[in-house]
PDB file of N, CA and C in Angstrom:
ATOM      1  N   UNK A   1    -227.724-127.664 -78.965  1.00  0.00           N
ATOM      2  CA  UNK A   1    -228.921-127.185 -78.303  1.00  0.00           C
ATOM      3  C   UNK A   1    -228.717-127.287 -76.792  1.00  0.00           C
ATOM      4  N   UNK A   2    -229.089-126.208 -76.087  1.00  0.00           N
ATOM      5  CA  UNK A   2    -228.925-126.156 -74.635  1.00  0.00           C
ATOM      6  C   UNK A   2    -230.225-126.611 -73.987  1.00  0.00           C
ATOM      7  N   UNK A   3    -230.094-127.570 -73.070  1.00  0.00           N
ATOM      8  CA  UNK A   3    -231.249-128.066 -72.351  1.00  0.00           C
ATOM      9  C   UNK A   3    -231.298-127.360 -70.992  1.00  0.00           C
ATOM     10  N   UNK A   4    -232.294-126.541 -70.777  1.00  0.00           N
ATOM     11  CA  UNK A   4    -232.439-125.777 -69.540  1.00  0.00           C
ATOM     12  C   UNK A   4    -233.603-126.354 -68.742  1.00  0.00           C
ATOM     13  N   UNK A   5    -233.351-126.665 -67.473  1.00  0.00           N
ATOM     14  CA  UNK A   5    -234.390-127.253 -66.638  1.00  0.00           C
ATOM     15  C   UNK A   5    -235.280-126.206 -65.978  1.00  0.00           C
ATOM     16  N   UNK A   6    -235.062-124.923 -66.250  1.00  0.00           N
ATOM     17  CA  UNK A   6    -235.915-123.867 -65.710  1.00  0.00           C
ATOM     18  C   UNK A   6    -235.789-123.749 -64.199  1.00  0.00           C
ATOM     19  N   UNK A   7    -236.908-123.690 -63.529  1.00  0.00           N
ATOM     20  CA  UNK A   7    -236.930-123.501 -62.077  1.00  0.00           C
ATOM     21  C   UNK A   7    -236.446-124.736 -61.333  1.00  0.00           C
ATOM     22  N   UNK A   8    -236.475-125.886 -61.957  1.00  0.00           N
ATOM     23  CA  UNK A   8    -236.070-127.127 -61.297  1.00  0.00           C
ATOM     24  C   UNK A   8    -234.610-127.068 -60.874  1.00  0.00           C
ATOM     25  N   UNK A   9    -233.767-126.428 -61.663  1.00  0.00           N
ATOM     26  CA  UNK A   9    -232.345-126.402 -61.331  1.00  0.00           C
ATOM     27  C   UNK A   9    -232.076-125.619 -60.054  1.00  0.00           C
ATOM     28  N   UNK A  10    -232.975-124.701 -59.654  1.00  0.00           N
ATOM     29  CA  UNK A  10    -232.762-123.914 -58.441  1.00  0.00           C
ATOM     30  C   UNK A  10    -233.371-124.600 -57.214  1.00  0.00           C
ATOM     31  N   UNK A  11    -234.226-125.558 -57.403  1.00  0.00           N
ATOM     32  CA  UNK A  11    -234.894-126.212 -56.282  1.00  0.00           C
ATOM     33  C   UNK A  11    -233.900-126.912 -55.361  1.00  0.00           C
ATOM     34  N   UNK A  12    -232.814-127.405 -55.880  1.00  0.00           N
ATOM     35  CA  UNK A  12    -231.857-128.126 -55.036  1.00  0.00           C
ATOM     36  C   UNK A  12    -231.082-127.181 -54.127  1.00  0.00           C
ATOM     37  N   UNK A  13    -231.086-125.890 -54.427  1.00  0.00           N
ATOM     38  CA  UNK A  13    -230.362-124.922 -53.605  1.00  0.00           C
ATOM     39  C   UNK A  13    -231.191-124.384 -52.444  1.00  0.00           C
ATOM     40  N   UNK A  14    -232.479-124.711 -52.397  1.00  0.00           N
ATOM     41  CA  UNK A  14    -233.346-124.197 -51.344  1.00  0.00           C
ATOM     42  C   UNK A  14    -233.519-125.235 -50.243  1.00  0.00           C
ATOM     43  N   UNK A  15    -233.472-124.751 -48.997  1.00  0.00           N
ATOM     44  CA  UNK A  15    -233.711-125.622 -47.855  1.00  0.00           C
ATOM     45  C   UNK A  15    -235.195-125.954 -47.764  1.00  0.00           C
ATOM     46  N   UNK A  16    -235.521-127.112 -47.213  1.00  0.00           N
ATOM     47  CA  UNK A  16    -236.935-127.481 -47.083  1.00  0.00           C
ATOM     48  C   UNK A  16    -237.741-126.453 -46.282  1.00  0.00           C
ATOM     49  N   UNK A  17    -237.106-125.817 -45.290  1.00  0.00           N
ATOM     50  CA  UNK A  17    -237.785-124.806 -44.481  1.00  0.00           C
ATOM     51  C   UNK A  17    -238.163-123.593 -45.343  1.00  0.00           C
ATOM     52  N   UNK A  18    -237.278-123.248 -46.278  1.00  0.00           N
ATOM     53  CA  UNK A  18    -237.561-122.126 -47.154  1.00  0.00           C
ATOM     54  C   UNK A  18    -238.696-122.448 -48.118  1.00  0.00           C
ATOM     55  N   UNK A  19    -238.682-123.662 -48.655  1.00  0.00           N
ATOM     56  CA  UNK A  19    -239.745-124.087 -49.569  1.00  0.00           C
ATOM     57  C   UNK A  19    -241.086-124.052 -48.837  1.00  0.00           C
ATOM     58  N   UNK A  20    -241.115-124.546 -47.605  1.00  0.00           N
ATOM     59  CA  UNK A  20    -242.343-124.559 -46.808  1.00  0.00           C
ATOM     60  C   UNK A  20    -242.822-123.131 -46.536  1.00  0.00           C
ATOM     61  N   UNK A  21    -241.906-122.246 -46.167  1.00  0.00           N
ATOM     62  CA  UNK A  21    -242.264-120.853 -45.890  1.00  0.00           C
ATOM     63  C   UNK A  21    -242.807-120.162 -47.138  1.00  0.00           C
ATOM     64  N   UNK A  22    -242.211-120.422 -48.291  1.00  0.00           N
ATOM     65  CA  UNK A  22    -242.699-119.829 -49.536  1.00  0.00           C
ATOM     66  C   UNK A  22    -244.094-120.333 -49.900  1.00  0.00           C
ATOM     67  N   UNK A  23    -244.337-121.623 -49.672  1.00  0.00           N
ATOM     68  CA  UNK A  23    -245.664-122.170 -49.962  1.00  0.00           C
ATOM     69  C   UNK A  23    -246.718-121.559 -49.043  1.00  0.00           C
ATOM     70  N   UNK A  24    -246.385-121.415 -47.741  1.00  0.00           N
ATOM     71  CA  UNK A  24    -247.321-120.804 -46.796  1.00  0.00           C
ATOM     72  C   UNK A  24    -247.594-119.353 -47.172  1.00  0.00           C
ATOM     73  N   UNK A  25    -246.563-118.625 -47.572  1.00  0.00           N
ATOM     74  CA  UNK A  25    -246.723-117.232 -47.975  1.00  0.00           C
ATOM     75  C   UNK A  25    -247.639-117.124 -49.187  1.00  0.00           C
ATOM     76  N   UNK A  26    -247.421-118.005 -50.173  1.00  0.00           N
ATOM     77  CA  UNK A  26    -248.240-117.999 -51.376  1.00  0.00           C
ATOM     78  C   UNK A  26    -249.694-118.327 -51.042  1.00  0.00           C
ATOM     79  N   UNK A  27    -249.929-119.288 -50.144  1.00  0.00           N
ATOM     80  CA  UNK A  27    -251.292-119.642 -49.757  1.00  0.00           C
ATOM     81  C   UNK A  27    -251.969-118.504 -49.007  1.00  0.00           C
ATOM     82  N   UNK A  28    -251.240-117.799 -48.162  1.00  0.00           N
ATOM     83  CA  UNK A  28    -251.806-116.669 -47.421  1.00  0.00           C
ATOM     84  C   UNK A  28    -252.159-115.511 -48.339  1.00  0.00           C
ATOM     85  N   UNK A  29    -251.396-115.342 -49.412  1.00  0.00           N
ATOM     86  CA  UNK A  29    -251.678-114.279 -50.364  1.00  0.00           C
ATOM     87  C   UNK A  29    -252.969-114.552 -51.128  1.00  0.00           C
ATOM     88  N   UNK A  30    -253.305-115.817 -51.329  1.00  0.00           N
ATOM     89  CA  UNK A  30    -254.498-116.176 -52.090  1.00  0.00           C
ATOM     90  C   UNK A  30    -255.768-116.006 -51.266  1.00  0.00           C
ATOM     91  N   UNK A  31    -255.682-116.171 -49.935  1.00  0.00           N
ATOM     92  CA  UNK A  31    -256.854-116.095 -49.083  1.00  0.00           C
ATOM     93  C   UNK A  31    -257.308-114.649 -48.941  1.00  0.00           C
ATOM     94  N   UNK A  32    -258.616-114.413 -48.958  1.00  0.00           N
ATOM     95  CA  UNK A  32    -259.096-113.043 -48.753  1.00  0.00           C
ATOM     96  C   UNK A  32    -258.832-112.617 -47.316  1.00  0.00           C
ATOM     97  N   UNK A  33    -258.396-111.393 -47.165  1.00  0.00           N
ATOM     98  CA  UNK A  33    -258.093-110.875 -45.848  1.00  0.00           C
ATOM     99  C   UNK A  33    -259.375-110.324 -45.230  1.00  0.00           C
ATOM    100  N   UNK A  34    -259.694-110.802 -44.041  1.00  0.00           N
ATOM    101  CA  UNK A  34    -260.874-110.309 -43.354  1.00  0.00           C
ATOM    102  C   UNK A  34    -260.432-109.335 -42.277  1.00  0.00           C
ATOM    103  N   UNK A  35    -261.388-108.636 -41.735  1.00  0.00           N
ATOM    104  CA  UNK A  35    -261.058-107.712 -40.666  1.00  0.00           C
ATOM    105  C   UNK A  35    -260.895-106.296 -41.170  1.00  0.00           C
ATOM    106  N   UNK A  36    -259.784-105.681 -40.855  1.00  0.00           N
ATOM    107  CA  UNK A  36    -259.564-104.269 -41.129  1.00  0.00           C
ATOM    108  C   UNK A  36    -259.150-104.071 -42.581  1.00  0.00           C
ATOM    109  N   UNK A  37    -259.907-103.291 -43.337  1.00  0.00           N
ATOM    110  CA  UNK A  37    -259.516-103.024 -44.716  1.00  0.00           C
ATOM    111  C   UNK A  37    -258.362-102.025 -44.774  1.00  0.00           C
ATOM    112  N   UNK A  38    -257.562-102.108 -45.814  1.00  0.00           N
ATOM    113  CA  UNK A  38    -256.468-101.166 -46.005  1.00  0.00           C
ATOM    114  C   UNK A  38    -257.006 -99.916 -46.691  1.00  0.00           C
ATOM    115  N   UNK A  39    -256.825 -98.764 -46.043  1.00  0.00           N
ATOM    116  CA  UNK A  39    -257.263 -97.503 -46.616  1.00  0.00           C
ATOM    117  C   UNK A  39    -256.064 -96.791 -47.223  1.00  0.00           C
ATOM    118  N   UNK A  40    -256.321 -96.007 -48.250  1.00  0.00           N
ATOM    119  CA  UNK A  40    -255.220 -95.283 -48.858  1.00  0.00           C
ATOM    120  C   UNK A  40    -254.779 -94.117 -47.967  1.00  0.00           C
ATOM    121  N   UNK A  41    -253.574 -93.613 -48.222  1.00  0.00           N
ATOM    122  CA  UNK A  41    -252.990 -92.565 -47.382  1.00  0.00           C
ATOM    123  C   UNK A  41    -253.815 -91.288 -47.414  1.00  0.00           C
ATOM    124  N   UNK A  42    -254.363 -90.958 -48.572  1.00  0.00           N
ATOM    125  CA  UNK A  42    -255.123 -89.725 -48.701  1.00  0.00           C
ATOM    126  C   UNK A  42    -256.371 -89.756 -47.822  1.00  0.00           C
ATOM    127  N   UNK A  43    -257.044 -90.892 -47.755  1.00  0.00           N
ATOM    128  CA  UNK A  43    -258.216 -91.019 -46.902  1.00  0.00           C
ATOM    129  C   UNK A  43    -257.818 -90.926 -45.436  1.00  0.00           C
ATOM    130  N   UNK A  44    -256.669 -91.508 -45.087  1.00  0.00           N
ATOM    131  CA  UNK A  44    -256.169 -91.418 -43.718  1.00  0.00           C
ATOM    132  C   UNK A  44    -255.880 -89.981 -43.314  1.00  0.00           C
ATOM    133  N   UNK A  45    -255.301 -89.213 -44.229  1.00  0.00           N
ATOM    134  CA  UNK A  45    -255.033 -87.802 -43.953  1.00  0.00           C
ATOM    135  C   UNK A  45    -256.337 -87.017 -43.817  1.00  0.00           C
ATOM    136  N   UNK A  46    -257.325 -87.354 -44.625  1.00  0.00           N
ATOM    137  CA  UNK A  46    -258.633 -86.702 -44.521  1.00  0.00           C
ATOM    138  C   UNK A  46    -259.262 -86.994 -43.166  1.00  0.00           C
ATOM    139  N   UNK A  47    -259.184 -88.248 -42.713  1.00  0.00           N
ATOM    140  CA  UNK A  47    -259.691 -88.607 -41.388  1.00  0.00           C
ATOM    141  C   UNK A  47    -258.984 -87.802 -40.306  1.00  0.00           C
ATOM    142  N   UNK A  48    -257.653 -87.674 -40.410  1.00  0.00           N
ATOM    143  CA  UNK A  48    -256.895 -86.904 -39.422  1.00  0.00           C
ATOM    144  C   UNK A  48    -257.370 -85.458 -39.367  1.00  0.00           C
ATOM    145  N   UNK A  49    -257.580 -84.840 -40.526  1.00  0.00           N
ATOM    146  CA  UNK A  49    -258.043 -83.457 -40.564  1.00  0.00           C
ATOM    147  C   UNK A  49    -259.427 -83.311 -39.948  1.00  0.00           C
ATOM    148  N   UNK A  50    -260.317 -84.231 -40.267  1.00  0.00           N
ATOM    149  CA  UNK A  50    -261.679 -84.183 -39.711  1.00  0.00           C
ATOM    150  C   UNK A  50    -261.636 -84.330 -38.201  1.00  0.00           C
ATOM    151  N   UNK A  51    -260.829 -85.274 -37.704  1.00  0.00           N
ATOM    152  CA  UNK A  51    -260.737 -85.504 -36.265  1.00  0.00           C
ATOM    153  C   UNK A  51    -260.133 -84.307 -35.545  1.00  0.00           C
ATOM    154  N   UNK A  52    -259.102 -83.689 -36.105  1.00  0.00           N
ATOM    155  CA  UNK A  52    -258.494 -82.524 -35.475  1.00  0.00           C
ATOM    156  C   UNK A  52    -259.475 -81.350 -35.416  1.00  0.00           C
ATOM    157  N   UNK A  53    -260.200 -81.139 -36.508  1.00  0.00           N
ATOM    158  CA  UNK A  53    -261.185 -80.067 -36.520  1.00  0.00           C
ATOM    159  C   UNK A  53    -262.310 -80.338 -35.523  1.00  0.00           C
ATOM    160  N   UNK A  54    -262.751 -81.594 -35.444  1.00  0.00           N
ATOM    161  CA  UNK A  54    -263.827 -81.951 -34.515  1.00  0.00           C
ATOM    162  C   UNK A  54    -263.378 -81.784 -33.064  1.00  0.00           C
ATOM    163  N   UNK A  55    -262.116 -82.088 -32.787  1.00  0.00           N
ATOM    164  CA  UNK A  55    -261.615 -81.902 -31.421  1.00  0.00           C
ATOM    165  C   UNK A  55    -261.563 -80.415 -31.071  1.00  0.00           C
ATOM    166  N   UNK A  56    -261.147 -79.608 -32.030  1.00  0.00           N
ATOM    167  CA  UNK A  56    -261.004 -78.173 -31.802  1.00  0.00           C
ATOM    168  C   UNK A  56    -262.370 -77.500 -31.630  1.00  0.00           C
ATOM    169  N   UNK A  57    -263.352 -77.909 -32.423  1.00  0.00           N
ATOM    170  CA  UNK A  57    -264.663 -77.250 -32.409  1.00  0.00           C
ATOM    171  C   UNK A  57    -265.697 -77.960 -31.539  1.00  0.00           C
ATOM    172  N   UNK A  58    -265.358 -79.114 -30.979  1.00  0.00           N
ATOM    173  CA  UNK A  58    -266.275 -79.920 -30.148  1.00  0.00           C
ATOM    174  C   UNK A  58    -267.539 -80.316 -30.916  1.00  0.00           C
ATOM    175  N   UNK A  59    -267.359 -80.599 -32.188  1.00  0.00           N
ATOM    176  CA  UNK A  59    -268.459 -81.025 -33.045  1.00  0.00           C
ATOM    177  C   UNK A  59    -268.674 -82.530 -32.882  1.00  0.00           C
ATOM    178  N   UNK A  60    -269.899 -82.989 -32.708  1.00  0.00           N
ATOM    179  CA  UNK A  60    -270.147 -84.428 -32.590  1.00  0.00           C
ATOM    180  C   UNK A  60    -269.914 -85.159 -33.918  1.00  0.00           C
ATOM    181  N   UNK A  61    -269.418 -86.366 -33.803  1.00  0.00           N
ATOM    182  CA  UNK A  61    -269.126 -87.201 -34.964  1.00  0.00           C
ATOM    183  C   UNK A  61    -269.760 -88.566 -34.792  1.00  0.00           C
ATOM    184  N   UNK A  62    -269.889 -89.248 -35.913  1.00  0.00           N
ATOM    185  CA  UNK A  62    -270.258 -90.652 -35.913  1.00  0.00           C
ATOM    186  C   UNK A  62    -269.112 -91.404 -36.600  1.00  0.00           C
ATOM    187  N   UNK A  63    -268.466 -92.300 -35.865  1.00  0.00           N
ATOM    188  CA  UNK A  63    -267.291 -93.009 -36.364  1.00  0.00           C
ATOM    189  C   UNK A  63    -267.630 -94.485 -36.543  1.00  0.00           C
ATOM    190  N   UNK A  64    -267.430 -94.975 -37.752  1.00  0.00           N
ATOM    191  CA  UNK A  64    -267.603 -96.401 -38.028  1.00  0.00           C
ATOM    192  C   UNK A  64    -266.217 -97.035 -38.017  1.00  0.00           C
ATOM    193  N   UNK A  65    -266.068 -98.122 -37.249  1.00  0.00           N
ATOM    194  CA  UNK A  65    -264.777 -98.783 -37.098  1.00  0.00           C
ATOM    195  C   UNK A  65    -264.975-100.284 -37.004  1.00  0.00           C
ATOM    196  N   UNK A  66    -263.880-101.009 -37.124  1.00  0.00           N
ATOM    197  CA  UNK A  66    -263.920-102.469 -37.042  1.00  0.00           C
ATOM    198  C   UNK A  66    -263.653-102.892 -35.603  1.00  0.00           C
ATOM    199  N   UNK A  67    -264.593-103.661 -35.050  1.00  0.00           N
ATOM    200  CA  UNK A  67    -264.442-104.192 -33.693  1.00  0.00           C
ATOM    201  C   UNK A  67    -264.778-105.678 -33.740  1.00  0.00           C
ATOM    202  N   UNK A  68    -263.822-106.490 -33.383  1.00  0.00           N
ATOM    203  CA  UNK A  68    -263.983-107.947 -33.407  1.00  0.00           C
ATOM    204  C   UNK A  68    -264.362-108.449 -34.805  1.00  0.00           C
ATOM    205  N   UNK A  69    -263.780-107.831 -35.832  1.00  0.00           N
ATOM    206  CA  UNK A  69    -263.995-108.263 -37.199  1.00  0.00           C
ATOM    207  C   UNK A  69    -265.281-107.777 -37.836  1.00  0.00           C
ATOM    208  N   UNK A  70    -266.053-106.972 -37.099  1.00  0.00           N
ATOM    209  CA  UNK A  70    -267.321-106.468 -37.636  1.00  0.00           C
ATOM    210  C   UNK A  70    -267.381-104.954 -37.503  1.00  0.00           C
ATOM    211  N   UNK A  71    -268.118-104.300 -38.380  1.00  0.00           N
ATOM    212  CA  UNK A  71    -268.254-102.847 -38.257  1.00  0.00           C
ATOM    213  C   UNK A  71    -269.072-102.465 -37.021  1.00  0.00           C
ATOM    214  N   UNK A  72    -268.627-101.439 -36.331  1.00  0.00           N
ATOM    215  CA  UNK A  72    -269.334-100.896 -35.176  1.00  0.00           C
ATOM    216  C   UNK A  72    -269.364 -99.383 -35.330  1.00  0.00           C
ATOM    217  N   UNK A  73    -270.335 -98.747 -34.683  1.00  0.00           N
ATOM    218  CA  UNK A  73    -270.481 -97.304 -34.783  1.00  0.00           C
ATOM    219  C   UNK A  73    -270.463 -96.703 -33.387  1.00  0.00           C
ATOM    220  N   UNK A  74    -269.702 -95.619 -33.233  1.00  0.00           N
ATOM    221  CA  UNK A  74    -269.673 -94.861 -31.991  1.00  0.00           C
ATOM    222  C   UNK A  74    -269.898 -93.404 -32.343  1.00  0.00           C
ATOM    223  N   UNK A  75    -270.749 -92.738 -31.568  1.00  0.00           N
ATOM    224  CA  UNK A  75    -271.038 -91.328 -31.806  1.00  0.00           C
ATOM    225  C   UNK A  75    -270.672 -90.534 -30.574  1.00  0.00           C
ATOM    226  N   UNK A  76    -270.249 -89.298 -30.818  1.00  0.00           N
ATOM    227  CA  UNK A  76    -269.927 -88.429 -29.699  1.00  0.00           C
ATOM    228  C   UNK A  76    -268.960 -87.341 -30.100  1.00  0.00           C
ATOM    229  N   UNK A  77    -268.433 -86.672 -29.077  1.00  0.00           N
ATOM    230  CA  UNK A  77    -267.503 -85.569 -29.254  1.00  0.00           C
ATOM    231  C   UNK A  77    -266.090 -86.090 -29.006  1.00  0.00           C
ATOM    232  N   UNK A  78    -265.147 -85.692 -29.856  1.00  0.00           N
ATOM    233  CA  UNK A  78    -263.751 -86.095 -29.683  1.00  0.00           C
ATOM    234  C   UNK A  78    -263.184 -85.338 -28.485  1.00  0.00           C
ATOM    235  N   UNK A  79    -262.756 -86.060 -27.459  1.00  0.00           N
ATOM    236  CA  UNK A  79    -262.172 -85.399 -26.296  1.00  0.00           C
ATOM    237  C   UNK A  79    -260.656 -85.558 -26.242  1.00  0.00           C
ATOM    238  N   UNK A  80    -260.124 -86.534 -27.011  1.00  0.00           N
ATOM    239  CA  UNK A  80    -258.677 -86.720 -27.004  1.00  0.00           C
ATOM    240  C   UNK A  80    -258.219 -87.400 -28.281  1.00  0.00           C
ATOM    241  N   UNK A  81    -257.177 -86.839 -28.885  1.00  0.00           N
ATOM    242  CA  UNK A  81    -256.468 -87.475 -29.993  1.00  0.00           C
ATOM    243  C   UNK A  81    -255.104 -87.871 -29.464  1.00  0.00           C
ATOM    244  N   UNK A  82    -254.773 -89.134 -29.552  1.00  0.00           N
ATOM    245  CA  UNK A  82    -253.493 -89.613 -29.043  1.00  0.00           C
ATOM    246  C   UNK A  82    -252.665 -90.159 -30.201  1.00  0.00           C
ATOM    247  N   UNK A  83    -251.759 -89.325 -30.774  1.00  0.00           N
ATOM    248  CA  UNK A  83    -250.984 -89.790 -31.924  1.00  0.00           C
ATOM    249  C   UNK A  83    -249.947 -90.852 -31.572  1.00  0.00           C
ATOM    250  N   UNK A  84    -249.493 -90.886 -30.323  1.00  0.00           N
ATOM    251  CA  UNK A  84    -248.500 -91.896 -29.944  1.00  0.00           C
ATOM    252  C   UNK A  84    -249.108 -93.289 -29.894  1.00  0.00           C
ATOM    253  N   UNK A  85    -250.293 -93.384 -29.340  1.00  0.00           N
ATOM    254  CA  UNK A  85    -250.961 -94.689 -29.269  1.00  0.00           C
ATOM    255  C   UNK A  85    -251.882 -94.916 -30.468  1.00  0.00           C
ATOM    256  N   UNK A  86    -251.948 -93.915 -31.372  1.00  0.00           N
ATOM    257  CA  UNK A  86    -252.787 -93.985 -32.560  1.00  0.00           C
ATOM    258  C   UNK A  86    -254.227 -94.360 -32.199  1.00  0.00           C
ATOM    259  N   UNK A  87    -254.834 -93.523 -31.345  1.00  0.00           N
ATOM    260  CA  UNK A  87    -256.198 -93.768 -30.907  1.00  0.00           C
ATOM    261  C   UNK A  87    -256.902 -92.445 -30.646  1.00  0.00           C
ATOM    262  N   UNK A  88    -258.221 -92.503 -30.691  1.00  0.00           N
ATOM    263  CA  UNK A  88    -259.033 -91.346 -30.326  1.00  0.00           C
ATOM    264  C   UNK A  88    -259.965 -91.757 -29.199  1.00  0.00           C
ATOM    265  N   UNK A  89    -260.422 -90.774 -28.440  1.00  0.00           N
ATOM    266  CA  UNK A  89    -261.393 -91.030 -27.383  1.00  0.00           C
ATOM    267  C   UNK A  89    -262.605 -90.160 -27.641  1.00  0.00           C
ATOM    268  N   UNK A  90    -263.764 -90.797 -27.710  1.00  0.00           N
ATOM    269  CA  UNK A  90    -265.031 -90.097 -27.912  1.00  0.00           C
ATOM    270  C   UNK A  90    -265.840 -90.147 -26.628  1.00  0.00           C
ATOM    271  N   UNK A  91    -266.552 -89.054 -26.345  1.00  0.00           N
ATOM    272  CA  UNK A  91    -267.505 -89.060 -25.233  1.00  0.00           C
ATOM    273  C   UNK A  91    -268.883 -89.019 -25.851  1.00  0.00           C
ATOM    274  N   UNK A  92    -269.645 -90.058 -25.604  1.00  0.00           N
ATOM    275  CA  UNK A  92    -270.978 -90.173 -26.182  1.00  0.00           C
ATOM    276  C   UNK A  92    -271.989 -89.345 -25.436  1.00  0.00           C
ATOM    277  N   UNK A  93    -273.211 -89.339 -25.931  1.00  0.00           N
ATOM    278  CA  UNK A  93    -274.283 -88.558 -25.307  1.00  0.00           C
ATOM    279  C   UNK A  93    -274.639 -89.084 -23.915  1.00  0.00           C
ATOM    280  N   UNK A  94    -274.365 -90.343 -23.656  1.00  0.00           N
ATOM    281  CA  UNK A  94    -274.635 -90.927 -22.337  1.00  0.00           C
ATOM    282  C   UNK A  94    -273.417 -90.841 -21.412  1.00  0.00           C
ATOM    283  N   UNK A  95    -272.464 -89.967 -21.778  1.00  0.00           N
ATOM    284  CA  UNK A  95    -271.224 -89.733 -21.009  1.00  0.00           C
ATOM    285  C   UNK A  95    -270.286 -90.944 -21.002  1.00  0.00           C
ATOM    286  N   UNK A  96    -270.561 -91.951 -21.816  1.00  0.00           N
ATOM    287  CA  UNK A  96    -269.662 -93.101 -21.927  1.00  0.00           C
ATOM    288  C   UNK A  96    -268.498 -92.723 -22.826  1.00  0.00           C
ATOM    289  N   UNK A  97    -267.315 -93.223 -22.490  1.00  0.00           N
ATOM    290  CA  UNK A  97    -266.131 -92.953 -23.299  1.00  0.00           C
ATOM    291  C   UNK A  97    -265.841 -94.155 -24.184  1.00  0.00           C
ATOM    292  N   UNK A  98    -265.533 -93.857 -25.434  1.00  0.00           N
ATOM    293  CA  UNK A  98    -265.190 -94.891 -26.412  1.00  0.00           C
ATOM    294  C   UNK A  98    -263.769 -94.623 -26.894  1.00  0.00           C
ATOM    295  N   UNK A  99    -262.873 -95.578 -26.716  1.00  0.00           N
ATOM    296  CA  UNK A  99    -261.493 -95.445 -27.203  1.00  0.00           C
ATOM    297  C   UNK A  99    -261.385 -96.285 -28.468  1.00  0.00           C
ATOM    298  N   UNK A 100    -261.019 -95.626 -29.568  1.00  0.00           N
ATOM    299  CA  UNK A 100    -261.000 -96.283 -30.877  1.00  0.00           C
ATOM    300  C   UNK A 100    -259.612 -96.146 -31.495  1.00  0.00           C
ATOM    301  N   UNK A 101    -258.950 -97.257 -31.827  1.00  0.00           N
ATOM    302  CA  UNK A 101    -257.682 -97.167 -32.564  1.00  0.00           C
ATOM    303  C   UNK A 101    -257.922 -96.573 -33.955  1.00  0.00           C
ATOM    304  N   UNK A 102    -257.083 -95.623 -34.353  1.00  0.00           N
ATOM    305  CA  UNK A 102    -257.298 -94.940 -35.632  1.00  0.00           C
ATOM    306  C   UNK A 102    -257.138 -95.870 -36.824  1.00  0.00           C
ATOM    307  N   UNK A 103    -256.371 -96.920 -36.696  1.00  0.00           N
ATOM    308  CA  UNK A 103    -256.191 -97.867 -37.806  1.00  0.00           C
ATOM    309  C   UNK A 103    -257.456 -98.652 -38.108  1.00  0.00           C
ATOM    310  N   UNK A 104    -258.373 -98.689 -37.154  1.00  0.00           N
ATOM    311  CA  UNK A 104    -259.608 -99.453 -37.342  1.00  0.00           C
ATOM    312  C   UNK A 104    -260.760 -98.615 -37.872  1.00  0.00           C
ATOM    313  N   UNK A 105    -260.551 -97.309 -38.017  1.00  0.00           N
ATOM    314  CA  UNK A 105    -261.614 -96.425 -38.510  1.00  0.00           C
ATOM    315  C   UNK A 105    -261.771 -96.606 -40.016  1.00  0.00           C
ATOM    316  N   UNK A 106    -263.024 -96.807 -40.439  1.00  0.00           N
ATOM    317  CA  UNK A 106    -263.290 -96.971 -41.871  1.00  0.00           C
ATOM    318  C   UNK A 106    -264.182 -95.863 -42.420  1.00  0.00           C
ATOM    319  N   UNK A 107    -264.856 -95.111 -41.530  1.00  0.00           N
ATOM    320  CA  UNK A 107    -265.759 -94.055 -42.009  1.00  0.00           C
ATOM    321  C   UNK A 107    -266.012 -93.059 -40.893  1.00  0.00           C
ATOM    322  N   UNK A 108    -266.050 -91.776 -41.264  1.00  0.00           N
ATOM    323  CA  UNK A 108    -266.370 -90.722 -40.298  1.00  0.00           C
ATOM    324  C   UNK A 108    -267.459 -89.847 -40.907  1.00  0.00           C
ATOM    325  N   UNK A 109    -268.487 -89.596 -40.124  1.00  0.00           N
ATOM    326  CA  UNK A 109    -269.582 -88.730 -40.591  1.00  0.00           C
ATOM    327  C   UNK A 109    -269.794 -87.612 -39.597  1.00  0.00           C
TER     328      UNK A 109
END
């Protein structure tokens, strides 16, 4: 009969730093992630299409995004789409400009 120690036999091959890093990784995976939710690619593409059309037609939008860990809303006309910096710029009705990173957008109306 073969006596197998399972995972214990591999523990001696790992450095303490690696064991610590694996434990921290496992603990971080268990904690709920706050802040910016992960959106699927299809929704991101839909947002891109809506933003491009709104920029072209100067149609006002209402954009809900995450700011400081909480949802915020900005309304206005898209005056600039910046794909390099992944941000949009809205001009509101009071002529104020709002710069919003596209990764933080969660809803467009």
